[in-house]
């Protein structure tokens, strides 16, 4: 396995592919699926005993090469022969699928030696354990249309304070909020997280509210700050103060955000109740749900 750079790319990749197929692994250190795929490719390079050459390109450090390959998603794997790309795939595929991919293109023996291939049913060595975030990255690399995984991925990114990454990951969900309360809740959380850095300091907002309890803009800004910091109860309290004074303020924005926070306080994977049984809910969520009903109906 060789790390390719702009300086050695011509020799290690282009020229080398005239002798033996070159498998180029485009990866990045932060990419969970890349960490899962890398050890499999390295194992297969050994197992195939010279029938192909593995070259890795760190797309963070070698952005010029990444652009040359047209990288839009990683991990991305390309196979080159005679100086030209002939096939490739995106995402962390299982070992069996990668073997099938290689077997379509690599010679039966190494160019300079007749060495046996490792058994196809050899037990793969376990790769490094993936974090929940990395596992979701891997799921999405395999199936970008998995909205359940995408919602969980966006939620973990927001919990980690990675607002920019969450915004990018959320893009495929835009337009689906109308029929999905969780997506709407994530959209409101993302909006708060993006707005928070540009809002006045909490002390200034609290001073504005103390001077005018109907300063709903200041109250809502303070609620957004609490929401961005995952201080759910504090955010709900500010929104209730708005609703008690003006139920329809700003096109019902306070109530809608209140409902979104209640959704975020409820685990997405909460078990469904048995038939005929009431759902098991968090006492805090139930308390705020009752307070919302009393406020809206009063």
C-alpha atoms as a PDB file:
ATOM      1  CA  UNK A   1       0.000   0.000   0.000  1.00  0.00           C
ATOM      2  CA  UNK A   2       1.327   3.423  -0.994  1.00  0.00           C
ATOM      3  CA  UNK A   3       0.157   6.947  -0.177  1.00  0.00           C
ATOM      4  CA  UNK A   4      -0.091   8.967  -3.370  1.00  0.00           C
ATOM      5  CA  UNK A   5       0.696  12.663  -3.660  1.00  0.00           C
ATOM      6  CA  UNK A   6       0.825  15.082  -6.550  1.00  0.00           C
ATOM      7  CA  UNK A   7       4.566  14.517  -6.653  1.00  0.00           C
ATOM      8  CA  UNK A   8       4.481  10.720  -7.050  1.00  0.00           C
ATOM      9  CA  UNK A   9       1.065  10.250  -8.695  1.00  0.00           C
ATOM     10  CA  UNK A  10       2.412   9.861 -12.224  1.00  0.00           C
ATOM     11  CA  UNK A  11       4.853   7.148 -11.200  1.00  0.00           C
ATOM     12  CA  UNK A  12       2.929   5.279  -8.514  1.00  0.00           C
ATOM     13  CA  UNK A  13      -0.493   5.375 -10.188  1.00  0.00           C
ATOM     14  CA  UNK A  14      -0.451   6.187 -13.897  1.00  0.00           C
ATOM     15  CA  UNK A  15       2.755   4.410 -14.913  1.00  0.00           C
ATOM     16  CA  UNK A  16       2.226   1.551 -12.471  1.00  0.00           C
ATOM     17  CA  UNK A  17      -1.223   0.840 -13.960  1.00  0.00           C
ATOM     18  CA  UNK A  18       0.486  -0.116 -17.221  1.00  0.00           C
ATOM     19  CA  UNK A  19       1.905  -3.170 -15.436  1.00  0.00           C
ATOM     20  CA  UNK A  20      -0.694  -4.084 -12.827  1.00  0.00           C
ATOM     21  CA  UNK A  21      -4.216  -2.777 -12.017  1.00  0.00           C
ATOM     22  CA  UNK A  22      -4.038   0.051  -9.478  1.00  0.00           C
ATOM     23  CA  UNK A  23      -6.839   0.408  -6.924  1.00  0.00           C
ATOM     24  CA  UNK A  24      -7.056   4.002  -5.683  1.00  0.00           C
ATOM     25  CA  UNK A  25      -8.730   4.542  -2.294  1.00  0.00           C
ATOM     26  CA  UNK A  26      -9.798   8.193  -1.855  1.00  0.00           C
ATOM     27  CA  UNK A  27     -10.407   8.788   1.839  1.00  0.00           C
ATOM     28  CA  UNK A  28     -10.224  11.341   4.682  1.00  0.00           C
ATOM     29  CA  UNK A  29      -9.261  10.976   8.363  1.00  0.00           C
ATOM     30  CA  UNK A  30     -12.670  12.191   9.616  1.00  0.00           C
ATOM     31  CA  UNK A  31     -14.658   9.721   7.487  1.00  0.00           C
ATOM     32  CA  UNK A  32     -16.045   6.771   9.453  1.00  0.00           C
ATOM     33  CA  UNK A  33     -16.837   4.587   6.425  1.00  0.00           C
ATOM     34  CA  UNK A  34     -13.287   5.227   5.181  1.00  0.00           C
ATOM     35  CA  UNK A  35     -11.930   3.812   8.431  1.00  0.00           C
ATOM     36  CA  UNK A  36     -14.086   0.721   7.962  1.00  0.00           C
ATOM     37  CA  UNK A  37     -13.105   0.232   4.307  1.00  0.00           C
ATOM     38  CA  UNK A  38      -9.366   0.884   4.550  1.00  0.00           C
ATOM     39  CA  UNK A  39      -8.385  -2.264   6.507  1.00  0.00           C
ATOM     40  CA  UNK A  40     -10.452  -4.445   4.137  1.00  0.00           C
ATOM     41  CA  UNK A  41      -8.644  -3.066   1.073  1.00  0.00           C
ATOM     42  CA  UNK A  42      -5.259  -3.493   2.751  1.00  0.00           C
ATOM     43  CA  UNK A  43      -6.112  -7.084   3.671  1.00  0.00           C
ATOM     44  CA  UNK A  44      -7.210  -7.822   0.108  1.00  0.00           C
ATOM     45  CA  UNK A  45      -4.005  -6.369  -1.341  1.00  0.00           C
ATOM     46  CA  UNK A  46      -2.110  -8.947   0.692  1.00  0.00           C
ATOM     47  CA  UNK A  47      -4.571 -11.730  -0.141  1.00  0.00           C
ATOM     48  CA  UNK A  48      -4.397 -11.055  -3.882  1.00  0.00           C
ATOM     49  CA  UNK A  49      -0.598 -11.299  -3.679  1.00  0.00           C
ATOM     50  CA  UNK A  50       0.478  -8.748  -6.262  1.00  0.00           C
ATOM     51  CA  UNK A  51      -2.503  -9.053  -8.610  1.00  0.00           C
ATOM     52  CA  UNK A  52      -3.312  -5.390  -7.951  1.00  0.00           C
ATOM     53  CA  UNK A  53      -1.626  -2.447  -6.292  1.00  0.00           C
ATOM     54  CA  UNK A  54      -3.370  -0.407  -3.575  1.00  0.00           C
ATOM     55  CA  UNK A  55      -2.783   3.341  -3.516  1.00  0.00           C
ATOM     56  CA  UNK A  56      -4.410   5.622  -0.953  1.00  0.00           C
ATOM     57  CA  UNK A  57      -5.100   9.339  -1.453  1.00  0.00           C
ATOM     58  CA  UNK A  58      -5.913  11.534   1.553  1.00  0.00           C
ATOM     59  CA  UNK A  59      -8.433  13.940   0.016  1.00  0.00           C
ATOM     60  CA  UNK A  60      -7.889  16.485   2.798  1.00  0.00           C
ATOM     61  CA  UNK A  61      -4.178  16.771   2.027  1.00  0.00           C
ATOM     62  CA  UNK A  62      -4.301  16.105  -1.727  1.00  0.00           C
ATOM     63  CA  UNK A  63      -7.238  18.247  -2.834  1.00  0.00           C
ATOM     64  CA  UNK A  64      -5.825  18.653  -6.337  1.00  0.00           C
ATOM     65  CA  UNK A  65      -5.909  14.882  -6.855  1.00  0.00           C
ATOM     66  CA  UNK A  66      -9.375  14.652  -5.312  1.00  0.00           C
ATOM     67  CA  UNK A  67     -10.596  17.267  -7.797  1.00  0.00           C
ATOM     68  CA  UNK A  68      -8.978  15.372 -10.657  1.00  0.00           C
ATOM     69  CA  UNK A  69     -10.975  12.272  -9.711  1.00  0.00           C
ATOM     70  CA  UNK A  70     -14.170  14.331  -9.387  1.00  0.00           C
ATOM     71  CA  UNK A  71     -14.689  13.285  -5.775  1.00  0.00           C
ATOM     72  CA  UNK A  72     -18.152  14.186  -4.451  1.00  0.00           C
ATOM     73  CA  UNK A  73     -18.507  11.553  -1.738  1.00  0.00           C
ATOM     74  CA  UNK A  74     -16.062   9.372   0.179  1.00  0.00           C
ATOM     75  CA  UNK A  75     -14.901   6.713   0.468  1.00  0.00           C
ATOM     76  CA  UNK A  76     -14.496   6.553  -3.315  1.00  0.00           C
ATOM     77  CA  UNK A  77     -12.527   3.741  -4.966  1.00  0.00           C
ATOM     78  CA  UNK A  78     -11.278   3.782  -8.573  1.00  0.00           C
ATOM     79  CA  UNK A  79      -9.519   1.039 -10.511  1.00  0.00           C
ATOM     80  CA  UNK A  80      -6.994   2.107 -13.179  1.00  0.00           C
ATOM     81  CA  UNK A  81      -5.527   0.070 -16.037  1.00  0.00           C
ATOM     82  CA  UNK A  82      -3.137   1.324 -18.693  1.00  0.00           C
ATOM     83  CA  UNK A  83      -3.278   4.813 -17.229  1.00  0.00           C
ATOM     84  CA  UNK A  84      -7.085   5.073 -17.389  1.00  0.00           C
ATOM     85  CA  UNK A  85      -9.876   4.588 -14.823  1.00  0.00           C
ATOM     86  CA  UNK A  86     -11.979   1.570 -15.819  1.00  0.00           C
ATOM     87  CA  UNK A  87     -14.333   1.056 -12.880  1.00  0.00           C
ATOM     88  CA  UNK A  88     -15.047   2.162  -9.333  1.00  0.00           C
ATOM     89  CA  UNK A  89     -17.486   2.359  -6.463  1.00  0.00           C
ATOM     90  CA  UNK A  90     -18.518   4.733  -3.670  1.00  0.00           C
ATOM     91  CA  UNK A  91     -19.122   3.733  -0.062  1.00  0.00           C
ATOM     92  CA  UNK A  92     -17.827   1.058   2.292  1.00  0.00           C
ATOM     93  CA  UNK A  93     -18.804  -2.180   0.562  1.00  0.00           C
ATOM     94  CA  UNK A  94     -18.572  -5.570   2.319  1.00  0.00           C
ATOM     95  CA  UNK A  95     -15.481  -7.671   1.599  1.00  0.00           C
ATOM     96  CA  UNK A  96     -17.380 -10.146  -0.574  1.00  0.00           C
ATOM     97  CA  UNK A  97     -18.610  -7.418  -2.914  1.00  0.00           C
ATOM     98  CA  UNK A  98     -15.129  -5.921  -3.162  1.00  0.00           C
ATOM     99  CA  UNK A  99     -13.716  -9.339  -4.079  1.00  0.00           C
ATOM    100  CA  UNK A 100     -16.349  -9.657  -6.810  1.00  0.00           C
ATOM    101  CA  UNK A 101     -15.424  -6.181  -8.062  1.00  0.00           C
ATOM    102  CA  UNK A 102     -11.703  -7.056  -8.154  1.00  0.00           C
ATOM    103  CA  UNK A 103     -12.243 -10.432  -9.782  1.00  0.00           C
ATOM    104  CA  UNK A 104     -13.793  -8.706 -12.806  1.00  0.00           C
ATOM    105  CA  UNK A 105     -10.596  -6.770 -13.483  1.00  0.00           C
ATOM    106  CA  UNK A 106      -7.444  -8.210 -11.936  1.00  0.00           C
ATOM    107  CA  UNK A 107      -5.358 -10.955 -13.586  1.00  0.00           C
ATOM    108  CA  UNK A 108      -5.494 -14.520 -12.298  1.00  0.00           C
ATOM    109  CA  UNK A 109      -1.841 -14.343 -11.331  1.00  0.00           C
ATOM    110  CA  UNK A 110       0.534 -11.571 -10.405  1.00  0.00           C
ATOM    111  CA  UNK A 111       2.558 -10.201 -13.342  1.00  0.00           C
ATOM    112  CA  UNK A 112       5.855 -11.586 -12.026  1.00  0.00           C
ATOM    113  CA  UNK A 113       4.771 -14.526  -9.863  1.00  0.00           C
ATOM    114  CA  UNK A 114       2.175 -17.278  -9.749  1.00  0.00           C
ATOM    115  CA  UNK A 115       0.933 -16.869  -6.205  1.00  0.00           C
ATOM    116  CA  UNK A 116      -2.237 -18.378  -4.791  1.00  0.00           C
ATOM    117  CA  UNK A 117      -5.111 -16.158  -3.814  1.00  0.00           C
ATOM    118  CA  UNK A 118      -6.342 -16.363  -0.256  1.00  0.00           C
ATOM    119  CA  UNK A 119      -9.546 -18.400   0.153  1.00  0.00           C
ATOM    120  CA  UNK A 120     -12.627 -16.386  -0.714  1.00  0.00           C
ATOM    121  CA  UNK A 121     -14.299 -17.565   2.466  1.00  0.00           C
ATOM    122  CA  UNK A 122     -11.435 -16.534   4.736  1.00  0.00           C
ATOM    123  CA  UNK A 123     -12.718 -14.903   7.898  1.00  0.00           C
ATOM    124  CA  UNK A 124     -12.096 -11.154   7.689  1.00  0.00           C
ATOM    125  CA  UNK A 125     -10.194  -9.548  10.488  1.00  0.00           C
ATOM    126  CA  UNK A 126     -12.388  -7.152  12.431  1.00  0.00           C
ATOM    127  CA  UNK A 127     -11.767  -3.516  11.663  1.00  0.00           C
ATOM    128  CA  UNK A 128     -11.734  -0.724  14.237  1.00  0.00           C
ATOM    129  CA  UNK A 129     -14.962  -0.272  16.187  1.00  0.00           C
ATOM    130  CA  UNK A 130     -17.165   2.462  14.771  1.00  0.00           C
ATOM    131  CA  UNK A 131     -18.803   5.143  16.893  1.00  0.00           C
ATOM    132  CA  UNK A 132     -22.585   5.662  16.512  1.00  0.00           C
ATOM    133  CA  UNK A 133     -21.847   8.685  14.322  1.00  0.00           C
ATOM    134  CA  UNK A 134     -19.451   6.722  12.118  1.00  0.00           C
ATOM    135  CA  UNK A 135     -21.921   3.833  11.847  1.00  0.00           C
ATOM    136  CA  UNK A 136     -24.573   6.254  10.580  1.00  0.00           C
ATOM    137  CA  UNK A 137     -22.044   7.703   8.118  1.00  0.00           C
ATOM    138  CA  UNK A 138     -21.449   4.197   6.840  1.00  0.00           C
ATOM    139  CA  UNK A 139     -25.190   3.512   6.546  1.00  0.00           C
ATOM    140  CA  UNK A 140     -25.679   6.709   4.545  1.00  0.00           C
ATOM    141  CA  UNK A 141     -22.688   6.010   2.315  1.00  0.00           C
ATOM    142  CA  UNK A 142     -24.311   2.689   1.430  1.00  0.00           C
ATOM    143  CA  UNK A 143     -27.865   4.065   1.173  1.00  0.00           C
ATOM    144  CA  UNK A 144     -28.131   7.882   0.976  1.00  0.00           C
ATOM    145  CA  UNK A 145     -31.945   7.589   0.800  1.00  0.00           C
ATOM    146  CA  UNK A 146     -32.186   6.132   4.325  1.00  0.00           C
ATOM    147  CA  UNK A 147     -34.092   9.001   5.970  1.00  0.00           C
ATOM    148  CA  UNK A 148     -34.203   7.256   9.359  1.00  0.00           C
ATOM    149  CA  UNK A 149     -30.405   7.080   9.472  1.00  0.00           C
ATOM    150  CA  UNK A 150     -30.110  10.628   8.129  1.00  0.00           C
ATOM    151  CA  UNK A 151     -32.363  12.050  10.851  1.00  0.00           C
ATOM    152  CA  UNK A 152     -30.340  10.280  13.537  1.00  0.00           C
ATOM    153  CA  UNK A 153     -27.105  11.486  11.899  1.00  0.00           C
ATOM    154  CA  UNK A 154     -28.238  15.135  11.826  1.00  0.00           C
ATOM    155  CA  UNK A 155     -29.346  14.865  15.459  1.00  0.00           C
ATOM    156  CA  UNK A 156     -25.954  13.537  16.588  1.00  0.00           C
ATOM    157  CA  UNK A 157     -24.137  16.265  14.662  1.00  0.00           C
ATOM    158  CA  UNK A 158     -26.260  18.945  16.340  1.00  0.00           C
ATOM    159  CA  UNK A 159     -25.671  17.378  19.742  1.00  0.00           C
ATOM    160  CA  UNK A 160     -21.935  17.572  19.027  1.00  0.00           C
ATOM    161  CA  UNK A 161     -22.234  21.240  18.030  1.00  0.00           C
ATOM    162  CA  UNK A 162     -21.223  20.529  14.402  1.00  0.00           C
ATOM    163  CA  UNK A 163     -23.748  22.938  12.905  1.00  0.00           C
ATOM    164  CA  UNK A 164     -22.148  23.281   9.467  1.00  0.00           C
ATOM    165  CA  UNK A 165     -21.921  19.502   9.044  1.00  0.00           C
ATOM    166  CA  UNK A 166     -25.512  19.126  10.247  1.00  0.00           C
ATOM    167  CA  UNK A 167     -26.696  21.675   7.678  1.00  0.00           C
ATOM    168  CA  UNK A 168     -25.049  19.731   4.839  1.00  0.00           C
ATOM    169  CA  UNK A 169     -26.399  16.410   6.093  1.00  0.00           C
ATOM    170  CA  UNK A 170     -29.905  17.870   6.449  1.00  0.00           C
ATOM    171  CA  UNK A 171     -30.126  19.087   2.836  1.00  0.00           C
ATOM    172  CA  UNK A 172     -31.772  15.897   1.447  1.00  0.00           C
ATOM    173  CA  UNK A 173     -34.504  16.227   4.102  1.00  0.00           C
ATOM    174  CA  UNK A 174     -35.500  19.763   3.113  1.00  0.00           C
ATOM    175  CA  UNK A 175     -39.069  19.716   1.866  1.00  0.00           C
ATOM    176  CA  UNK A 176     -40.047  16.602   3.841  1.00  0.00           C
ATOM    177  CA  UNK A 177     -40.885  18.353   7.125  1.00  0.00           C
ATOM    178  CA  UNK A 178     -44.584  18.769   6.392  1.00  0.00           C
ATOM    179  CA  UNK A 179     -45.277  15.079   6.879  1.00  0.00           C
ATOM    180  CA  UNK A 180     -42.611  14.293   9.485  1.00  0.00           C
ATOM    181  CA  UNK A 181     -42.583  15.935  12.921  1.00  0.00           C
ATOM    182  CA  UNK A 182     -39.011  14.789  13.605  1.00  0.00           C
ATOM    183  CA  UNK A 183     -37.686  16.427  10.465  1.00  0.00           C
ATOM    184  CA  UNK A 184     -39.504  19.665  11.352  1.00  0.00           C
ATOM    185  CA  UNK A 185     -38.053  19.532  14.855  1.00  0.00           C
ATOM    186  CA  UNK A 186     -34.541  19.054  13.466  1.00  0.00           C
ATOM    187  CA  UNK A 187     -35.107  21.960  11.057  1.00  0.00           C
ATOM    188  CA  UNK A 188     -36.081  24.230  13.964  1.00  0.00           C
ATOM    189  CA  UNK A 189     -33.089  23.070  16.025  1.00  0.00           C
ATOM    190  CA  UNK A 190     -30.763  23.668  13.080  1.00  0.00           C
ATOM    191  CA  UNK A 191     -32.241  27.150  12.585  1.00  0.00           C
ATOM    192  CA  UNK A 192     -31.638  27.962  16.257  1.00  0.00           C
ATOM    193  CA  UNK A 193     -28.083  26.617  16.147  1.00  0.00           C
ATOM    194  CA  UNK A 194     -27.295  28.728  13.076  1.00  0.00           C
ATOM    195  CA  UNK A 195     -28.907  31.859  14.549  1.00  0.00           C
ATOM    196  CA  UNK A 196     -27.437  31.638  18.056  1.00  0.00           C
ATOM    197  CA  UNK A 197     -23.910  32.952  17.308  1.00  0.00           C
ATOM    198  CA  UNK A 198     -25.350  36.153  15.811  1.00  0.00           C
ATOM    199  CA  UNK A 199     -27.870  36.890  18.573  1.00  0.00           C
ATOM    200  CA  UNK A 200     -27.310  39.446  21.366  1.00  0.00           C
ATOM    201  CA  UNK A 201     -25.827  38.140  24.598  1.00  0.00           C
ATOM    202  CA  UNK A 202     -28.237  36.455  27.011  1.00  0.00           C
ATOM    203  CA  UNK A 203     -27.748  39.242  29.577  1.00  0.00           C
ATOM    204  CA  UNK A 204     -28.764  41.893  27.024  1.00  0.00           C
ATOM    205  CA  UNK A 205     -31.848  39.902  26.019  1.00  0.00           C
ATOM    206  CA  UNK A 206     -32.842  39.404  29.644  1.00  0.00           C
ATOM    207  CA  UNK A 207     -32.453  43.139  30.252  1.00  0.00           C
ATOM    208  CA  UNK A 208     -34.741  43.868  27.295  1.00  0.00           C
ATOM    209  CA  UNK A 209     -37.329  41.441  28.651  1.00  0.00           C
ATOM    210  CA  UNK A 210     -37.115  42.946  32.145  1.00  0.00           C
ATOM    211  CA  UNK A 211     -37.827  46.376  30.645  1.00  0.00           C
ATOM    212  CA  UNK A 212     -40.699  45.081  28.504  1.00  0.00           C
ATOM    213  CA  UNK A 213     -42.245  41.678  29.186  1.00  0.00           C
ATOM    214  CA  UNK A 214     -43.922  41.841  25.765  1.00  0.00           C
ATOM    215  CA  UNK A 215     -40.604  42.060  23.949  1.00  0.00           C
ATOM    216  CA  UNK A 216     -41.356  38.804  22.164  1.00  0.00           C
ATOM    217  CA  UNK A 217     -38.455  39.128  19.751  1.00  0.00           C
ATOM    218  CA  UNK A 218     -36.047  39.153  22.687  1.00  0.00           C
ATOM    219  CA  UNK A 219     -37.847  36.241  24.348  1.00  0.00           C
ATOM    220  CA  UNK A 220     -37.755  34.189  21.174  1.00  0.00           C
ATOM    221  CA  UNK A 221     -34.071  34.987  20.627  1.00  0.00           C
ATOM    222  CA  UNK A 222     -33.351  33.850  24.178  1.00  0.00           C
ATOM    223  CA  UNK A 223     -35.345  30.661  23.535  1.00  0.00           C
ATOM    224  CA  UNK A 224     -33.246  30.046  20.420  1.00  0.00           C
ATOM    225  CA  UNK A 225     -30.054  30.434  22.442  1.00  0.00           C
ATOM    226  CA  UNK A 226     -31.330  27.917  24.989  1.00  0.00           C
ATOM    227  CA  UNK A 227     -32.391  25.595  22.198  1.00  0.00           C
ATOM    228  CA  UNK A 228     -28.975  25.762  20.520  1.00  0.00           C
ATOM    229  CA  UNK A 229     -27.408  24.897  23.885  1.00  0.00           C
ATOM    230  CA  UNK A 230     -29.878  22.007  24.349  1.00  0.00           C
ATOM    231  CA  UNK A 231     -31.341  23.702  27.414  1.00  0.00           C
ATOM    232  CA  UNK A 232     -34.794  22.509  26.505  1.00  0.00           C
ATOM    233  CA  UNK A 233     -36.723  23.449  29.659  1.00  0.00           C
ATOM    234  CA  UNK A 234     -35.361  27.008  29.651  1.00  0.00           C
ATOM    235  CA  UNK A 235     -36.346  27.399  25.988  1.00  0.00           C
ATOM    236  CA  UNK A 236     -39.856  26.065  26.681  1.00  0.00           C
ATOM    237  CA  UNK A 237     -40.300  28.489  29.570  1.00  0.00           C
ATOM    238  CA  UNK A 238     -39.533  31.481  27.353  1.00  0.00           C
ATOM    239  CA  UNK A 239     -41.895  30.234  24.645  1.00  0.00           C
ATOM    240  CA  UNK A 240     -44.665  29.753  27.216  1.00  0.00           C
ATOM    241  CA  UNK A 241     -44.215  33.368  28.306  1.00  0.00           C
ATOM    242  CA  UNK A 242     -44.865  34.433  24.705  1.00  0.00           C
ATOM    243  CA  UNK A 243     -47.876  32.136  24.330  1.00  0.00           C
ATOM    244  CA  UNK A 244     -49.479  33.350  27.549  1.00  0.00           C
ATOM    245  CA  UNK A 245     -49.434  36.896  26.174  1.00  0.00           C
ATOM    246  CA  UNK A 246     -49.964  36.305  22.440  1.00  0.00           C
ATOM    247  CA  UNK A 247     -50.932  32.815  21.302  1.00  0.00           C
ATOM    248  CA  UNK A 248     -50.619  33.610  17.572  1.00  0.00           C
ATOM    249  CA  UNK A 249     -47.429  35.681  17.722  1.00  0.00           C
ATOM    250  CA  UNK A 250     -45.353  35.679  14.548  1.00  0.00           C
ATOM    251  CA  UNK A 251     -47.605  33.320  12.618  1.00  0.00           C
ATOM    252  CA  UNK A 252     -47.788  30.813  15.508  1.00  0.00           C
ATOM    253  CA  UNK A 253     -43.999  30.540  15.609  1.00  0.00           C
ATOM    254  CA  UNK A 254     -43.722  30.196  19.402  1.00  0.00           C
ATOM    255  CA  UNK A 255     -46.196  27.291  19.541  1.00  0.00           C
ATOM    256  CA  UNK A 256     -44.621  25.502  16.580  1.00  0.00           C
ATOM    257  CA  UNK A 257     -41.153  25.769  18.102  1.00  0.00           C
ATOM    258  CA  UNK A 258     -42.528  24.587  21.454  1.00  0.00           C
ATOM    259  CA  UNK A 259     -43.935  21.475  19.767  1.00  0.00           C
ATOM    260  CA  UNK A 260     -40.610  20.860  18.013  1.00  0.00           C
ATOM    261  CA  UNK A 261     -38.731  20.946  21.311  1.00  0.00           C
ATOM    262  CA  UNK A 262     -41.143  18.430  22.839  1.00  0.00           C
ATOM    263  CA  UNK A 263     -40.433  16.193  19.841  1.00  0.00           C
ATOM    264  CA  UNK A 264     -36.668  16.547  20.353  1.00  0.00           C
ATOM    265  CA  UNK A 265     -37.036  15.688  24.051  1.00  0.00           C
ATOM    266  CA  UNK A 266     -38.671  12.395  23.055  1.00  0.00           C
ATOM    267  CA  UNK A 267     -36.147   9.723  21.937  1.00  0.00           C
ATOM    268  CA  UNK A 268     -36.621   8.875  18.265  1.00  0.00           C
ATOM    269  CA  UNK A 269     -36.231   5.170  19.086  1.00  0.00           C
ATOM    270  CA  UNK A 270     -38.673   5.172  22.008  1.00  0.00           C
ATOM    271  CA  UNK A 271     -40.477   1.779  22.137  1.00  0.00           C
ATOM    272  CA  UNK A 272     -44.032   1.741  20.894  1.00  0.00           C
ATOM    273  CA  UNK A 273     -46.658   0.834  23.508  1.00  0.00           C
ATOM    274  CA  UNK A 274     -48.427  -2.507  23.469  1.00  0.00           C
ATOM    275  CA  UNK A 275     -51.923  -2.500  21.945  1.00  0.00           C
ATOM    276  CA  UNK A 276     -54.374  -0.840  24.303  1.00  0.00           C
ATOM    277  CA  UNK A 277     -51.605   0.583  26.490  1.00  0.00           C
ATOM    278  CA  UNK A 278     -50.771   4.317  26.803  1.00  0.00           C
ATOM    279  CA  UNK A 279     -47.349   5.418  25.604  1.00  0.00           C
ATOM    280  CA  UNK A 280     -44.596   5.706  28.190  1.00  0.00           C
ATOM    281  CA  UNK A 281     -43.531   9.355  28.160  1.00  0.00           C
ATOM    282  CA  UNK A 282     -41.036  11.491  30.025  1.00  0.00           C
ATOM    283  CA  UNK A 283     -42.727  13.244  32.985  1.00  0.00           C
ATOM    284  CA  UNK A 284     -41.098  16.541  32.024  1.00  0.00           C
ATOM    285  CA  UNK A 285     -42.393  16.270  28.465  1.00  0.00           C
ATOM    286  CA  UNK A 286     -45.884  15.443  29.730  1.00  0.00           C
ATOM    287  CA  UNK A 287     -45.802  18.373  32.142  1.00  0.00           C
ATOM    288  CA  UNK A 288     -44.903  20.854  29.408  1.00  0.00           C
ATOM    289  CA  UNK A 289     -47.411  19.267  27.037  1.00  0.00           C
ATOM    290  CA  UNK A 290     -50.185  19.887  29.607  1.00  0.00           C
ATOM    291  CA  UNK A 291     -48.995  23.457  30.186  1.00  0.00           C
ATOM    292  CA  UNK A 292     -49.106  24.088  26.439  1.00  0.00           C
ATOM    293  CA  UNK A 293     -52.666  22.764  26.222  1.00  0.00           C
ATOM    294  CA  UNK A 294     -53.800  24.872  29.168  1.00  0.00           C
ATOM    295  CA  UNK A 295     -52.178  27.986  27.721  1.00  0.00           C
ATOM    296  CA  UNK A 296     -53.548  27.543  24.215  1.00  0.00           C
ATOM    297  CA  UNK A 297     -57.059  26.698  25.430  1.00  0.00           C
ATOM    298  CA  UNK A 298     -57.298  29.425  28.070  1.00  0.00           C
END
